[in-house]
N, C-alpha and C. Protein backbone atom coordinates (compact mmCIF):
# COMPACT_ATOMS: atom_id res chain seq x y z
N MET A 1 -18.88 -38.59 -0.58
CA MET A 1 -17.65 -38.49 -1.35
C MET A 1 -16.57 -39.27 -0.61
N LYS A 2 -16.07 -40.32 -1.24
CA LYS A 2 -15.11 -41.18 -0.57
C LYS A 2 -13.67 -40.69 -0.64
N ASN A 3 -13.36 -39.77 -1.53
CA ASN A 3 -12.00 -39.24 -1.66
C ASN A 3 -11.84 -37.89 -0.97
N LYS A 4 -12.70 -37.60 -0.01
CA LYS A 4 -12.69 -36.30 0.66
C LYS A 4 -11.36 -36.03 1.35
N GLY A 5 -10.82 -37.03 2.04
CA GLY A 5 -9.56 -36.84 2.75
C GLY A 5 -8.40 -36.58 1.82
N ILE A 6 -8.37 -37.29 0.70
CA ILE A 6 -7.29 -37.09 -0.27
C ILE A 6 -7.37 -35.71 -0.90
N LEU A 7 -8.60 -35.28 -1.23
CA LEU A 7 -8.77 -33.94 -1.81
C LEU A 7 -8.39 -32.86 -0.81
N LEU A 8 -8.78 -33.04 0.45
CA LEU A 8 -8.40 -32.06 1.47
C LEU A 8 -6.89 -31.99 1.64
N LEU A 9 -6.24 -33.13 1.68
CA LEU A 9 -4.78 -33.16 1.81
C LEU A 9 -4.11 -32.47 0.63
N ALA A 10 -4.58 -32.78 -0.58
CA ALA A 10 -4.01 -32.15 -1.78
C ALA A 10 -4.24 -30.64 -1.76
N GLY A 11 -5.42 -30.22 -1.36
CA GLY A 11 -5.71 -28.79 -1.29
C GLY A 11 -4.85 -28.07 -0.28
N TYR A 12 -4.72 -28.66 0.91
CA TYR A 12 -3.89 -28.03 1.94
C TYR A 12 -2.42 -28.00 1.53
N LEU A 13 -1.95 -29.06 0.88
CA LEU A 13 -0.56 -29.06 0.41
C LEU A 13 -0.32 -27.99 -0.65
N LEU A 14 -1.24 -27.89 -1.62
CA LEU A 14 -1.11 -26.85 -2.64
C LEU A 14 -1.12 -25.47 -2.01
N LEU A 15 -2.05 -25.25 -1.10
CA LEU A 15 -2.14 -23.95 -0.43
C LEU A 15 -0.87 -23.65 0.37
N THR A 16 -0.41 -24.62 1.13
CA THR A 16 0.77 -24.42 1.97
C THR A 16 2.02 -24.16 1.14
N PHE A 17 2.25 -25.01 0.14
CA PHE A 17 3.46 -24.82 -0.67
C PHE A 17 3.37 -23.56 -1.52
N GLY A 18 2.18 -23.20 -1.96
CA GLY A 18 2.02 -21.97 -2.74
C GLY A 18 2.32 -20.74 -1.92
N VAL A 19 1.72 -20.66 -0.74
CA VAL A 19 1.92 -19.49 0.12
C VAL A 19 3.37 -19.41 0.60
N THR A 20 3.90 -20.54 1.07
CA THR A 20 5.28 -20.48 1.58
C THR A 20 6.28 -20.20 0.47
N SER A 21 6.03 -20.67 -0.73
CA SER A 21 6.98 -20.38 -1.81
C SER A 21 6.92 -18.92 -2.23
N ILE A 22 5.74 -18.30 -2.14
CA ILE A 22 5.65 -16.87 -2.42
C ILE A 22 6.39 -16.08 -1.35
N VAL A 23 6.22 -16.45 -0.10
CA VAL A 23 6.91 -15.76 1.00
C VAL A 23 8.42 -15.99 0.88
N MET A 24 8.81 -17.23 0.57
CA MET A 24 10.24 -17.52 0.45
C MET A 24 10.87 -16.77 -0.72
N GLU A 25 10.06 -16.51 -1.76
CA GLU A 25 10.57 -15.73 -2.90
C GLU A 25 10.91 -14.31 -2.47
N LEU A 26 10.17 -13.76 -1.54
CA LEU A 26 10.46 -12.43 -1.03
C LEU A 26 11.78 -12.39 -0.28
N VAL A 27 12.13 -13.50 0.35
CA VAL A 27 13.37 -13.59 1.11
C VAL A 27 14.55 -13.87 0.19
N GLY A 28 14.28 -14.48 -0.96
CA GLY A 28 15.35 -14.75 -1.91
C GLY A 28 15.72 -16.22 -1.99
N THR A 29 14.88 -17.08 -1.49
CA THR A 29 15.14 -18.51 -1.56
C THR A 29 13.93 -19.20 -2.16
N HIS A 30 14.01 -20.52 -2.33
CA HIS A 30 12.87 -21.26 -2.88
C HIS A 30 12.95 -22.72 -2.45
N TRP A 31 11.81 -23.40 -2.56
CA TRP A 31 11.78 -24.84 -2.31
C TRP A 31 12.62 -25.53 -3.38
N TYR A 32 13.40 -26.52 -2.98
CA TYR A 32 14.27 -27.21 -3.92
C TYR A 32 13.47 -27.92 -5.01
N PHE A 33 12.37 -28.59 -4.62
CA PHE A 33 11.61 -29.36 -5.60
C PHE A 33 10.74 -28.46 -6.49
N LEU A 34 10.62 -27.18 -6.17
CA LEU A 34 9.92 -26.24 -7.04
C LEU A 34 10.90 -25.34 -7.80
N GLY A 35 12.17 -25.71 -7.80
CA GLY A 35 13.19 -24.92 -8.47
C GLY A 35 12.99 -24.81 -9.97
N TRP A 36 12.32 -25.81 -10.56
CA TRP A 36 12.06 -25.77 -12.01
C TRP A 36 11.14 -24.61 -12.38
N LEU A 37 10.39 -24.09 -11.42
CA LEU A 37 9.52 -22.95 -11.71
C LEU A 37 10.32 -21.70 -12.03
N GLU A 38 11.49 -21.59 -11.46
CA GLU A 38 12.31 -20.40 -11.67
C GLU A 38 12.79 -20.29 -13.12
N LYS A 39 12.77 -21.41 -13.85
CA LYS A 39 13.15 -21.36 -15.27
C LYS A 39 12.09 -20.65 -16.11
N LEU A 40 10.89 -20.49 -15.56
CA LEU A 40 9.81 -19.78 -16.27
C LEU A 40 9.99 -18.27 -16.20
N GLY A 41 10.92 -17.81 -15.42
CA GLY A 41 11.10 -16.39 -15.22
C GLY A 41 10.40 -15.95 -13.96
N GLY A 42 10.62 -14.73 -13.57
CA GLY A 42 10.04 -14.23 -12.33
C GLY A 42 8.53 -14.19 -12.35
N LEU A 43 7.97 -13.62 -13.41
CA LEU A 43 6.52 -13.51 -13.50
C LEU A 43 5.86 -14.86 -13.68
N GLY A 44 6.43 -15.71 -14.52
CA GLY A 44 5.86 -17.03 -14.74
C GLY A 44 5.84 -17.86 -13.48
N ALA A 45 6.92 -17.82 -12.71
CA ALA A 45 6.98 -18.57 -11.45
C ALA A 45 5.96 -18.03 -10.46
N PHE A 46 5.83 -16.72 -10.40
CA PHE A 46 4.86 -16.12 -9.48
C PHE A 46 3.43 -16.49 -9.85
N VAL A 47 3.13 -16.49 -11.14
CA VAL A 47 1.77 -16.85 -11.59
C VAL A 47 1.46 -18.30 -11.25
N VAL A 48 2.41 -19.21 -11.46
CA VAL A 48 2.19 -20.62 -11.14
C VAL A 48 2.00 -20.79 -9.64
N LYS A 49 2.76 -20.08 -8.83
CA LYS A 49 2.61 -20.17 -7.38
C LYS A 49 1.27 -19.60 -6.93
N LEU A 50 0.84 -18.52 -7.56
CA LEU A 50 -0.46 -17.96 -7.26
C LEU A 50 -1.58 -18.92 -7.66
N LEU A 51 -1.42 -19.58 -8.79
CA LEU A 51 -2.39 -20.59 -9.22
C LEU A 51 -2.43 -21.77 -8.24
N MET A 52 -1.29 -22.13 -7.69
CA MET A 52 -1.26 -23.19 -6.68
C MET A 52 -2.12 -22.81 -5.48
N VAL A 53 -2.03 -21.56 -5.05
CA VAL A 53 -2.81 -21.10 -3.91
C VAL A 53 -4.30 -21.11 -4.24
N ILE A 54 -4.66 -20.59 -5.41
CA ILE A 54 -6.07 -20.51 -5.81
C ILE A 54 -6.67 -21.90 -5.97
N VAL A 55 -5.96 -22.79 -6.65
CA VAL A 55 -6.46 -24.15 -6.85
C VAL A 55 -6.55 -24.89 -5.51
N GLY A 56 -5.62 -24.64 -4.61
CA GLY A 56 -5.67 -25.23 -3.28
C GLY A 56 -6.90 -24.80 -2.51
N ILE A 57 -7.22 -23.52 -2.55
CA ILE A 57 -8.40 -23.01 -1.86
C ILE A 57 -9.67 -23.59 -2.48
N ILE A 58 -9.75 -23.62 -3.79
CA ILE A 58 -10.93 -24.17 -4.46
C ILE A 58 -11.10 -25.65 -4.14
N THR A 59 -10.00 -26.40 -4.12
CA THR A 59 -10.07 -27.82 -3.79
C THR A 59 -10.56 -28.04 -2.37
N ILE A 60 -10.08 -27.23 -1.44
CA ILE A 60 -10.52 -27.35 -0.04
C ILE A 60 -12.00 -27.05 0.08
N VAL A 61 -12.46 -26.00 -0.58
CA VAL A 61 -13.88 -25.63 -0.51
C VAL A 61 -14.75 -26.73 -1.08
N PHE A 62 -14.38 -27.26 -2.25
CA PHE A 62 -15.18 -28.32 -2.85
C PHE A 62 -15.16 -29.60 -2.03
N ALA A 63 -14.04 -29.92 -1.41
CA ALA A 63 -13.96 -31.13 -0.62
C ALA A 63 -14.77 -31.01 0.67
N ARG A 64 -14.87 -29.83 1.22
CA ARG A 64 -15.60 -29.64 2.47
C ARG A 64 -17.09 -29.41 2.26
N THR A 65 -17.53 -29.21 1.04
CA THR A 65 -18.94 -28.99 0.76
C THR A 65 -19.71 -30.30 0.87
N ASP A 66 -20.82 -30.26 1.59
CA ASP A 66 -21.69 -31.43 1.72
C ASP A 66 -22.71 -31.37 0.58
N TRP A 67 -22.43 -32.09 -0.49
CA TRP A 67 -23.26 -32.01 -1.69
C TRP A 67 -24.65 -32.58 -1.46
N GLU A 68 -24.76 -33.59 -0.62
CA GLU A 68 -26.08 -34.17 -0.33
C GLU A 68 -26.96 -33.16 0.41
N LYS A 69 -26.39 -32.43 1.34
CA LYS A 69 -27.14 -31.41 2.07
C LYS A 69 -27.56 -30.29 1.13
N GLU A 70 -26.67 -29.90 0.23
CA GLU A 70 -27.00 -28.86 -0.74
C GLU A 70 -28.14 -29.32 -1.64
N LYS A 71 -28.12 -30.57 -2.02
CA LYS A 71 -29.17 -31.11 -2.89
C LYS A 71 -30.50 -31.12 -2.15
N ARG A 72 -30.49 -31.51 -0.87
CA ARG A 72 -31.73 -31.50 -0.09
C ARG A 72 -32.27 -30.10 0.10
N ASN A 73 -31.40 -29.11 0.30
CA ASN A 73 -31.84 -27.74 0.47
C ASN A 73 -32.45 -27.17 -0.80
N GLU A 74 -31.97 -27.60 -1.96
CA GLU A 74 -32.55 -27.14 -3.22
C GLU A 74 -33.94 -27.67 -3.43
N GLU A 75 -34.21 -28.88 -2.97
CA GLU A 75 -35.51 -29.50 -3.16
C GLU A 75 -36.58 -28.89 -2.29
N MET A 76 -36.20 -28.24 -1.20
CA MET A 76 -37.19 -27.63 -0.28
C MET A 76 -37.75 -26.37 -0.84
């Protein structure tokens, strides 16, 4: 997979910004560039931030999976 680094970076960024924005919401502040999420309401913004975390984790897992090794193990 030639885009492994890009996928890992995207996954880590989604995970980082998702988690930190949820924590920052508890404090009463937010990332400036994610301010448009607050227009969705409290629950809507929280759901989108939670989805950012979940998609980030899934992206990291898929990027780190060695698909060729998995394919070889299935054939055995």
